[in-house]
Amino acid sequence: MGHAMATLAKHLIVYFLVLLLGPLSVWARPTTEAEAQRSVAGWLALDPRPLQARMGAKPAQVKAFKDSAGNIDYFVVSLEPNGFAIVAGDDLVEPIIAFAPQGTFDPNPQNPLYVLLDRDLPGRLAEVRAKEDQARAQKRKFTPQGLHRRAQSK
């Protein structure tokens, strides 16, 4: 009987750990360069001419843009032969933020797109991360709502 109780106790511990740690996988997580590149490739495969724009066909170089704390706000994925797409730095924000069928991204404070991204995305990410931190502090599952849920499912 002692062996049966020990086996049961081990199974209960494993079951408890699975229940406790399982929800961690649904929390927001930063996007990687490879994921950003795959997101753009998948997006272009679904619609090679978004808004009737003739986009470059192949994702090429990826560059991360970070905030002052070192968190990735967004990625710029250059396209071959021309153009680029902006991908969010976290999977709870809409993956494709912006795109241009021509040219390259200019990270210059005189560029309106750069200014918009620099001001907008940190706020979006901070909102999502604050909700995630609050859920974690309350030891409850973080369940994305509305746009955040749709973004993560893409």
Foldseek 3Di string as FASTA:
>chain_A
DVVVVVVVVVVVVVVVCCVLCVLVVVAKDWDDQVRLQVVVQVVCVVPVQVVNANAANHFDDKDFDADPVRQTQWIWTAGPPAKIFIAGGMQLAAGTDDIDRHDGDDCDPVDPVNVCSVPPRVVVVVVSVVQSVVCVVVSHRRDDDDSSNVSNVD
